[in-house]
Structure formats: C-alpha cells, structure tokens
Amino acid sequence: MQAFLGEFGGGRGDAGGNFGNSKDYYLGLSWRIGRAACLTSAASMASKARLNTAELNAEKIMDEVKRQVVKVIPA
C-alpha cells in the first residue's frame, strides 16, 4: 500500500516558480510473508495431527479396556 500527497507549483510554460507553500506527504506500508511463516504453519499443522493421532489411540485403548472389563464381568 502506498499513498502520496503533494502540492505542485510553477509558472507559465517552462518557467519554474510559485512553490511558496509546497508540501509533500508519503505513507508506505509493506508486508512480507516468507518461508518462515509457511514452515511455522506446517509445523503447527503437523503437531495438531500428532495430537489427534494420540487422542484417537487413547480412545482406542479405553474402548479395548472397556471391552475386556465387560467380557470378564458378565452382565
């Protein structure tokens, strides 16, 4: 994003002058997304996937324990 504001002066034809209250303003903004942002995002997604896998394995183990308990203690 960029912006430029200014006042220009001058005279007739090629004559320069009348720049009495000349003003210039500039505003700039830049943003760069590089490899570090991509790698951070990928690392975050990978850790979330590992967490999901661990949670699923814990549920699987709990289900197996429940199945064995029900098998040992008849209803």
PDB file of N, CA and C in Angstrom:
ATOM      1  N   MET A   1       0.846  -1.157   0.000  1.00  0.00           N
ATOM      2  CA  MET A   1       0.000   0.000   0.000  1.00  0.00           C
ATOM      3  C   MET A   1       0.894   1.223   0.000  1.00  0.00           C
ATOM      4  N   GLN A   2       0.569   2.164  -0.810  1.00  0.00           N
ATOM      5  CA  GLN A   2       1.318   3.403  -0.861  1.00  0.00           C
ATOM      6  C   GLN A   2       0.369   4.564  -1.058  1.00  0.00           C
ATOM      7  N   ALA A   3       0.763   5.711  -0.588  1.00  0.00           N
ATOM      8  CA  ALA A   3      -0.010   6.931  -0.808  1.00  0.00           C
ATOM      9  C   ALA A   3       0.958   8.081  -0.951  1.00  0.00           C
ATOM     10  N   PHE A   4       0.627   9.041  -1.774  1.00  0.00           N
ATOM     11  CA  PHE A   4       1.456  10.232  -1.940  1.00  0.00           C
ATOM     12  C   PHE A   4       0.535  11.425  -2.087  1.00  0.00           C
ATOM     13  N   LEU A   5       0.792  12.446  -1.335  1.00  0.00           N
ATOM     14  CA  LEU A   5       0.038  13.690  -1.429  1.00  0.00           C
ATOM     15  C   LEU A   5       1.039  14.819  -1.590  1.00  0.00           C
ATOM     16  N   GLY A   6       0.719  15.789  -2.365  1.00  0.00           N
ATOM     17  CA  GLY A   6       1.644  16.904  -2.520  1.00  0.00           C
ATOM     18  C   GLY A   6       0.970  18.077  -3.199  1.00  0.00           C
ATOM     19  N   GLU A   7       1.638  19.203  -3.158  1.00  0.00           N
ATOM     20  CA  GLU A   7       1.179  20.394  -3.854  1.00  0.00           C
ATOM     21  C   GLU A   7       2.266  20.788  -4.833  1.00  0.00           C
ATOM     22  N   PHE A   8       1.884  21.111  -6.024  1.00  0.00           N
ATOM     23  CA  PHE A   8       2.839  21.479  -7.055  1.00  0.00           C
ATOM     24  C   PHE A   8       2.626  22.938  -7.424  1.00  0.00           C
ATOM     25  N   GLY A   9       3.685  23.589  -7.817  1.00  0.00           N
ATOM     26  CA  GLY A   9       3.592  24.982  -8.237  1.00  0.00           C
ATOM     27  C   GLY A   9       4.354  25.166  -9.530  1.00  0.00           C
ATOM     28  N   GLY A  10       4.346  26.316 -10.019  1.00  0.00           N
ATOM     29  CA  GLY A  10       5.079  26.603 -11.241  1.00  0.00           C
ATOM     30  C   GLY A  10       4.535  27.852 -11.891  1.00  0.00           C
ATOM     31  N   GLY A  11       5.033  28.127 -13.063  1.00  0.00           N
ATOM     32  CA  GLY A  11       4.588  29.315 -13.780  1.00  0.00           C
ATOM     33  C   GLY A  11       4.126  28.946 -15.173  1.00  0.00           C
ATOM     34  N   ARG A  12       4.071  29.929 -16.032  1.00  0.00           N
ATOM     35  CA  ARG A  12       3.642  29.711 -17.416  1.00  0.00           C
ATOM     36  C   ARG A  12       4.730  29.039 -18.231  1.00  0.00           C
ATOM     37  N   GLY A  13       4.326  28.156 -19.081  1.00  0.00           N
ATOM     38  CA  GLY A  13       5.269  27.486 -19.965  1.00  0.00           C
ATOM     39  C   GLY A  13       6.275  26.660 -19.181  1.00  0.00           C
ATOM     40  N   ASP A  14       7.559  26.896 -19.476  1.00  0.00           N
ATOM     41  CA  ASP A  14       8.631  26.160 -18.793  1.00  0.00           C
ATOM     42  C   ASP A  14       9.128  26.867 -17.541  1.00  0.00           C
ATOM     43  N   ALA A  15       8.547  27.991 -17.197  1.00  0.00           N
ATOM     44  CA  ALA A  15       9.038  28.776 -16.057  1.00  0.00           C
ATOM     45  C   ALA A  15       8.730  28.060 -14.753  1.00  0.00           C
ATOM     46  N   GLY A  16       9.710  27.994 -13.892  1.00  0.00           N
ATOM     47  CA  GLY A  16       9.511  27.396 -12.583  1.00  0.00           C
ATOM     48  C   GLY A  16       9.327  28.479 -11.552  1.00  0.00           C
ATOM     49  N   GLY A  17       8.555  28.232 -10.564  1.00  0.00           N
ATOM     50  CA  GLY A  17       8.339  29.229  -9.516  1.00  0.00           C
ATOM     51  C   GLY A  17       6.993  28.993  -8.866  1.00  0.00           C
ATOM     52  N   ASN A  18       6.625  29.878  -7.984  1.00  0.00           N
ATOM     53  CA  ASN A  18       5.370  29.760  -7.248  1.00  0.00           C
ATOM     54  C   ASN A  18       5.276  28.443  -6.468  1.00  0.00           C
ATOM     55  N   PHE A  19       6.337  28.096  -5.809  1.00  0.00           N
ATOM     56  CA  PHE A  19       6.317  26.903  -4.959  1.00  0.00           C
ATOM     57  C   PHE A  19       6.177  27.309  -3.490  1.00  0.00           C
ATOM     58  N   GLY A  20       5.593  28.456  -3.247  1.00  0.00           N
ATOM     59  CA  GLY A  20       5.505  29.048  -1.913  1.00  0.00           C
ATOM     60  C   GLY A  20       5.263  28.064  -0.786  1.00  0.00           C
ATOM     61  N   ASN A  21       4.143  27.442  -0.736  1.00  0.00           N
ATOM     62  CA  ASN A  21       3.811  26.509   0.344  1.00  0.00           C
ATOM     63  C   ASN A  21       3.775  25.076  -0.173  1.00  0.00           C
ATOM     64  N   SER A  22       4.835  24.633  -0.744  1.00  0.00           N
ATOM     65  CA  SER A  22       4.895  23.278  -1.293  1.00  0.00           C
ATOM     66  C   SER A  22       4.910  22.262  -0.150  1.00  0.00           C
ATOM     67  N   LYS A  23       4.117  21.237  -0.277  1.00  0.00           N
ATOM     68  CA  LYS A  23       4.032  20.206   0.753  1.00  0.00           C
ATOM     69  C   LYS A  23       4.066  18.839   0.094  1.00  0.00           C
ATOM     70  N   ASP A  24       4.746  17.954   0.696  1.00  0.00           N
ATOM     71  CA  ASP A  24       4.801  16.567   0.226  1.00  0.00           C
ATOM     72  C   ASP A  24       4.518  15.645   1.401  1.00  0.00           C
ATOM     73  N   TYR A  25       3.769  14.597   1.146  1.00  0.00           N
ATOM     74  CA  TYR A  25       3.489  13.574   2.151  1.00  0.00           C
ATOM     75  C   TYR A  25       3.657  12.215   1.500  1.00  0.00           C
ATOM     76  N   TYR A  26       4.128  11.286   2.269  1.00  0.00           N
ATOM     77  CA  TYR A  26       4.273   9.923   1.762  1.00  0.00           C
ATOM     78  C   TYR A  26       3.913   8.965   2.892  1.00  0.00           C
ATOM     79  N   LEU A  27       3.160   7.957   2.555  1.00  0.00           N
ATOM     80  CA  LEU A  27       2.798   6.918   3.506  1.00  0.00           C
ATOM     81  C   LEU A  27       3.042   5.581   2.828  1.00  0.00           C
ATOM     82  N   GLY A  28       3.792   4.716   3.453  1.00  0.00           N
ATOM     83  CA  GLY A  28       4.070   3.405   2.859  1.00  0.00           C
ATOM     84  C   GLY A  28       3.867   2.296   3.877  1.00  0.00           C
ATOM     85  N   LEU A  29       3.442   1.171   3.390  1.00  0.00           N
ATOM     86  CA  LEU A  29       3.233   0.007   4.235  1.00  0.00           C
ATOM     87  C   LEU A  29       3.550  -1.221   3.408  1.00  0.00           C
ATOM     88  N   SER A  30       4.324  -2.117   3.974  1.00  0.00           N
ATOM     89  CA  SER A  30       4.619  -3.353   3.241  1.00  0.00           C
ATOM     90  C   SER A  30       4.576  -4.524   4.210  1.00  0.00           C
ATOM     91  N   TRP A  31       4.310  -5.661   3.667  1.00  0.00           N
ATOM     92  CA  TRP A  31       4.219  -6.890   4.452  1.00  0.00           C
ATOM     93  C   TRP A  31       4.808  -8.005   3.618  1.00  0.00           C
ATOM     94  N   ARG A  32       5.599  -8.824   4.242  1.00  0.00           N
ATOM     95  CA  ARG A  32       6.227  -9.914   3.508  1.00  0.00           C
ATOM     96  C   ARG A  32       5.962 -11.214   4.239  1.00  0.00           C
ATOM     97  N   ILE A  33       5.445 -12.152   3.508  1.00  0.00           N
ATOM     98  CA  ILE A  33       5.238 -13.483   4.058  1.00  0.00           C
ATOM     99  C   ILE A  33       6.289 -14.373   3.409  1.00  0.00           C
ATOM    100  N   GLY A  34       7.154 -14.893   4.206  1.00  0.00           N
ATOM    101  CA  GLY A  34       8.251 -15.691   3.679  1.00  0.00           C
ATOM    102  C   GLY A  34       8.133 -17.150   4.066  1.00  0.00           C
ATOM    103  N   ARG A  35       9.225 -17.842   3.852  1.00  0.00           N
ATOM    104  CA  ARG A  35       9.250 -19.278   4.132  1.00  0.00           C
ATOM    105  C   ARG A  35       9.030 -19.567   5.606  1.00  0.00           C
ATOM    106  N   ALA A  36       9.486 -18.691   6.479  1.00  0.00           N
ATOM    107  CA  ALA A  36       9.346 -18.941   7.916  1.00  0.00           C
ATOM    108  C   ALA A  36       7.880 -19.056   8.305  1.00  0.00           C
ATOM    109  N   ALA A  37       7.036 -18.194   7.745  1.00  0.00           N
ATOM    110  CA  ALA A  37       5.606 -18.263   8.056  1.00  0.00           C
ATOM    111  C   ALA A  37       5.007 -19.571   7.562  1.00  0.00           C
ATOM    112  N   CYS A  38       5.421 -19.998   6.391  1.00  0.00           N
ATOM    113  CA  CYS A  38       4.901 -21.253   5.841  1.00  0.00           C
ATOM    114  C   CYS A  38       5.360 -22.442   6.677  1.00  0.00           C
ATOM    115  N   LEU A  39       6.634 -22.422   7.085  1.00  0.00           N
ATOM    116  CA  LEU A  39       7.154 -23.529   7.881  1.00  0.00           C
ATOM    117  C   LEU A  39       6.490 -23.568   9.258  1.00  0.00           C
ATOM    118  N   THR A  40       6.243 -22.407   9.834  1.00  0.00           N
ATOM    119  CA  THR A  40       5.579 -22.358  11.128  1.00  0.00           C
ATOM    120  C   THR A  40       4.176 -22.942  11.014  1.00  0.00           C
ATOM    121  N   SER A  41       3.492 -22.583   9.953  1.00  0.00           N
ATOM    122  CA  SER A  41       2.143 -23.096   9.743  1.00  0.00           C
ATOM    123  C   SER A  41       2.174 -24.613   9.544  1.00  0.00           C
ATOM    124  N   ALA A  42       3.124 -25.088   8.756  1.00  0.00           N
ATOM    125  CA  ALA A  42       3.232 -26.528   8.514  1.00  0.00           C
ATOM    126  C   ALA A  42       3.576 -27.266   9.800  1.00  0.00           C
ATOM    127  N   ALA A  43       4.463 -26.715  10.600  1.00  0.00           N
ATOM    128  CA  ALA A  43       4.835 -27.349  11.864  1.00  0.00           C
ATOM    129  C   ALA A  43       3.638 -27.391  12.810  1.00  0.00           C
ATOM    130  N   SER A  44       2.865 -26.329  12.818  1.00  0.00           N
ATOM    131  CA  SER A  44       1.673 -26.285  13.664  1.00  0.00           C
ATOM    132  C   SER A  44       0.667 -27.343  13.228  1.00  0.00           C
ATOM    133  N   MET A  45       0.458 -27.458  11.920  1.00  0.00           N
ATOM    134  CA  MET A  45      -0.481 -28.461  11.411  1.00  0.00           C
ATOM    135  C   MET A  45       0.006 -29.867  11.723  1.00  0.00           C
ATOM    136  N   ALA A  46       1.308 -30.095  11.634  1.00  0.00           N
ATOM    137  CA  ALA A  46       1.863 -31.419  11.924  1.00  0.00           C
ATOM    138  C   ALA A  46       1.682 -31.770  13.396  1.00  0.00           C
ATOM    139  N   SER A  47       1.906 -30.796  14.278  1.00  0.00           N
ATOM    140  CA  SER A  47       1.742 -31.085  15.707  1.00  0.00           C
ATOM    141  C   SER A  47       0.275 -31.338  16.049  1.00  0.00           C
ATOM    142  N   LYS A  48      -0.643 -30.633  15.398  1.00  0.00           N
ATOM    143  CA  LYS A  48      -2.068 -30.889  15.614  1.00  0.00           C
ATOM    144  C   LYS A  48      -2.446 -32.287  15.130  1.00  0.00           C
ATOM    145  N   ALA A  49      -1.867 -32.706  14.026  1.00  0.00           N
ATOM    146  CA  ALA A  49      -2.142 -34.052  13.508  1.00  0.00           C
ATOM    147  C   ALA A  49      -1.629 -35.116  14.477  1.00  0.00           C
ATOM    148  N   ARG A  50      -0.430 -34.881  15.048  1.00  0.00           N
ATOM    149  CA  ARG A  50       0.107 -35.842  16.030  1.00  0.00           C
ATOM    150  C   ARG A  50      -0.776 -35.894  17.275  1.00  0.00           C
ATOM    151  N   LEU A  51      -1.278 -34.735  17.700  1.00  0.00           N
ATOM    152  CA  LEU A  51      -2.168 -34.704  18.862  1.00  0.00           C
ATOM    153  C   LEU A  51      -3.447 -35.476  18.571  1.00  0.00           C
ATOM    154  N   ASN A  52      -4.032 -35.266  17.407  1.00  0.00           N
ATOM    155  CA  ASN A  52      -5.247 -36.010  17.034  1.00  0.00           C
ATOM    156  C   ASN A  52      -4.998 -37.507  17.006  1.00  0.00           C
ATOM    157  N   THR A  53      -3.848 -37.917  16.490  1.00  0.00           N
ATOM    158  CA  THR A  53      -3.495 -39.339  16.442  1.00  0.00           C
ATOM    159  C   THR A  53      -3.383 -39.900  17.856  1.00  0.00           C
ATOM    160  N   ALA A  54      -2.740 -39.165  18.747  1.00  0.00           N
ATOM    161  CA  ALA A  54      -2.585 -39.619  20.131  1.00  0.00           C
ATOM    162  C   ALA A  54      -3.946 -39.736  20.815  1.00  0.00           C
ATOM    163  N   GLU A  55      -4.833 -38.759  20.570  1.00  0.00           N
ATOM    164  CA  GLU A  55      -6.164 -38.820  21.172  1.00  0.00           C
ATOM    165  C   GLU A  55      -6.952 -40.016  20.661  1.00  0.00           C
ATOM    166  N   LEU A  56      -6.852 -40.288  19.363  1.00  0.00           N
ATOM    167  CA  LEU A  56      -7.549 -41.455  18.806  1.00  0.00           C
ATOM    168  C   LEU A  56      -7.003 -42.758  19.377  1.00  0.00           C
ATOM    169  N   ASN A  57      -5.682 -42.838  19.537  1.00  0.00           N
ATOM    170  CA  ASN A  57      -5.090 -44.043  20.128  1.00  0.00           C
ATOM    171  C   ASN A  57      -5.534 -44.217  21.575  1.00  0.00           C
ATOM    172  N   ALA A  58      -5.648 -43.119  22.327  1.00  0.00           N
ATOM    173  CA  ALA A  58      -6.105 -43.206  23.720  1.00  0.00           C
ATOM    174  C   ALA A  58      -7.547 -43.706  23.761  1.00  0.00           C
ATOM    175  N   GLU A  59      -8.388 -43.207  22.871  1.00  0.00           N
ATOM    176  CA  GLU A  59      -9.781 -43.683  22.818  1.00  0.00           C
ATOM    177  C   GLU A  59      -9.835 -45.164  22.461  1.00  0.00           C
ATOM    178  N   LYS A  60      -8.988 -45.577  21.549  1.00  0.00           N
ATOM    179  CA  LYS A  60      -8.953 -46.980  21.132  1.00  0.00           C
ATOM    180  C   LYS A  60      -8.570 -47.879  22.313  1.00  0.00           C
ATOM    181  N   ILE A  61      -7.587 -47.432  23.086  1.00  0.00           N
ATOM    182  CA  ILE A  61      -7.148 -48.216  24.252  1.00  0.00           C
ATOM    183  C   ILE A  61      -8.260 -48.262  25.306  1.00  0.00           C
ATOM    184  N   MET A  62      -8.926 -47.136  25.534  1.00  0.00           N
ATOM    185  CA  MET A  62     -10.020 -47.110  26.510  1.00  0.00           C
ATOM    186  C   MET A  62     -11.160 -48.030  26.074  1.00  0.00           C
ATOM    187  N   ASP A  63     -11.482 -48.043  24.795  1.00  0.00           N
ATOM    188  CA  ASP A  63     -12.523 -48.940  24.297  1.00  0.00           C
ATOM    189  C   ASP A  63     -12.141 -50.401  24.495  1.00  0.00           C
ATOM    190  N   GLU A  64     -10.862 -50.712  24.273  1.00  0.00           N
ATOM    191  CA  GLU A  64     -10.398 -52.089  24.449  1.00  0.00           C
ATOM    192  C   GLU A  64     -10.482 -52.489  25.920  1.00  0.00           C
ATOM    193  N   VAL A  65     -10.114 -51.588  26.829  1.00  0.00           N
ATOM    194  CA  VAL A  65     -10.200 -51.889  28.266  1.00  0.00           C
ATOM    195  C   VAL A  65     -11.660 -52.117  28.654  1.00  0.00           C
ATOM    196  N   LYS A  66     -12.564 -51.277  28.171  1.00  0.00           N
ATOM    197  CA  LYS A  66     -13.987 -51.447  28.481  1.00  0.00           C
ATOM    198  C   LYS A  66     -14.495 -52.782  27.960  1.00  0.00           C
ATOM    199  N   ARG A  67     -14.050 -53.151  26.756  1.00  0.00           N
ATOM    200  CA  ARG A  67     -14.487 -54.416  26.168  1.00  0.00           C
ATOM    201  C   ARG A  67     -14.006 -55.591  27.037  1.00  0.00           C
ATOM    202  N   GLN A  68     -12.762 -55.517  27.531  1.00  0.00           N
ATOM    203  CA  GLN A  68     -12.237 -56.601  28.344  1.00  0.00           C
ATOM    204  C   GLN A  68     -12.943 -56.669  29.706  1.00  0.00           C
ATOM    205  N   VAL A  69     -13.266 -55.500  30.269  1.00  0.00           N
ATOM    206  CA  VAL A  69     -13.967 -55.485  31.550  1.00  0.00           C
ATOM    207  C   VAL A  69     -15.351 -56.098  31.410  1.00  0.00           C
ATOM    208  N   VAL A  70     -16.058 -55.739  30.353  1.00  0.00           N
ATOM    209  CA  VAL A  70     -17.387 -56.281  30.125  1.00  0.00           C
ATOM    210  C   VAL A  70     -17.307 -57.790  29.905  1.00  0.00           C
ATOM    211  N   LYS A  71     -16.251 -58.249  29.255  1.00  0.00           N
ATOM    212  CA  LYS A  71     -16.077 -59.668  28.990  1.00  0.00           C
ATOM    213  C   LYS A  71     -15.824 -60.440  30.289  1.00  0.00           C
ATOM    214  N   VAL A  72     -15.051 -59.865  31.217  1.00  0.00           N
ATOM    215  CA  VAL A  72     -14.722 -60.529  32.480  1.00  0.00           C
ATOM    216  C   VAL A  72     -15.911 -60.490  33.436  1.00  0.00           C
ATOM    217  N   ILE A  73     -16.604 -59.366  33.506  1.00  0.00           N
ATOM    218  CA  ILE A  73     -17.742 -59.227  34.412  1.00  0.00           C
ATOM    219  C   ILE A  73     -19.022 -59.379  33.575  1.00  0.00           C
ATOM    220  N   PRO A  74     -19.658 -60.537  33.605  1.00  0.00           N
ATOM    221  CA  PRO A  74     -20.857 -60.722  32.798  1.00  0.00           C
ATOM    222  C   PRO A  74     -22.011 -59.840  33.312  1.00  0.00           C
ATOM    223  N   ALA A  75     -22.819 -59.416  32.396  1.00  0.00           N
ATOM    224  CA  ALA A  75     -23.948 -58.554  32.761  1.00  0.00           C
ATOM    225  C   ALA A  75     -25.076 -59.339  33.359  1.00  0.00           C
TER     226      ALA A  75
END
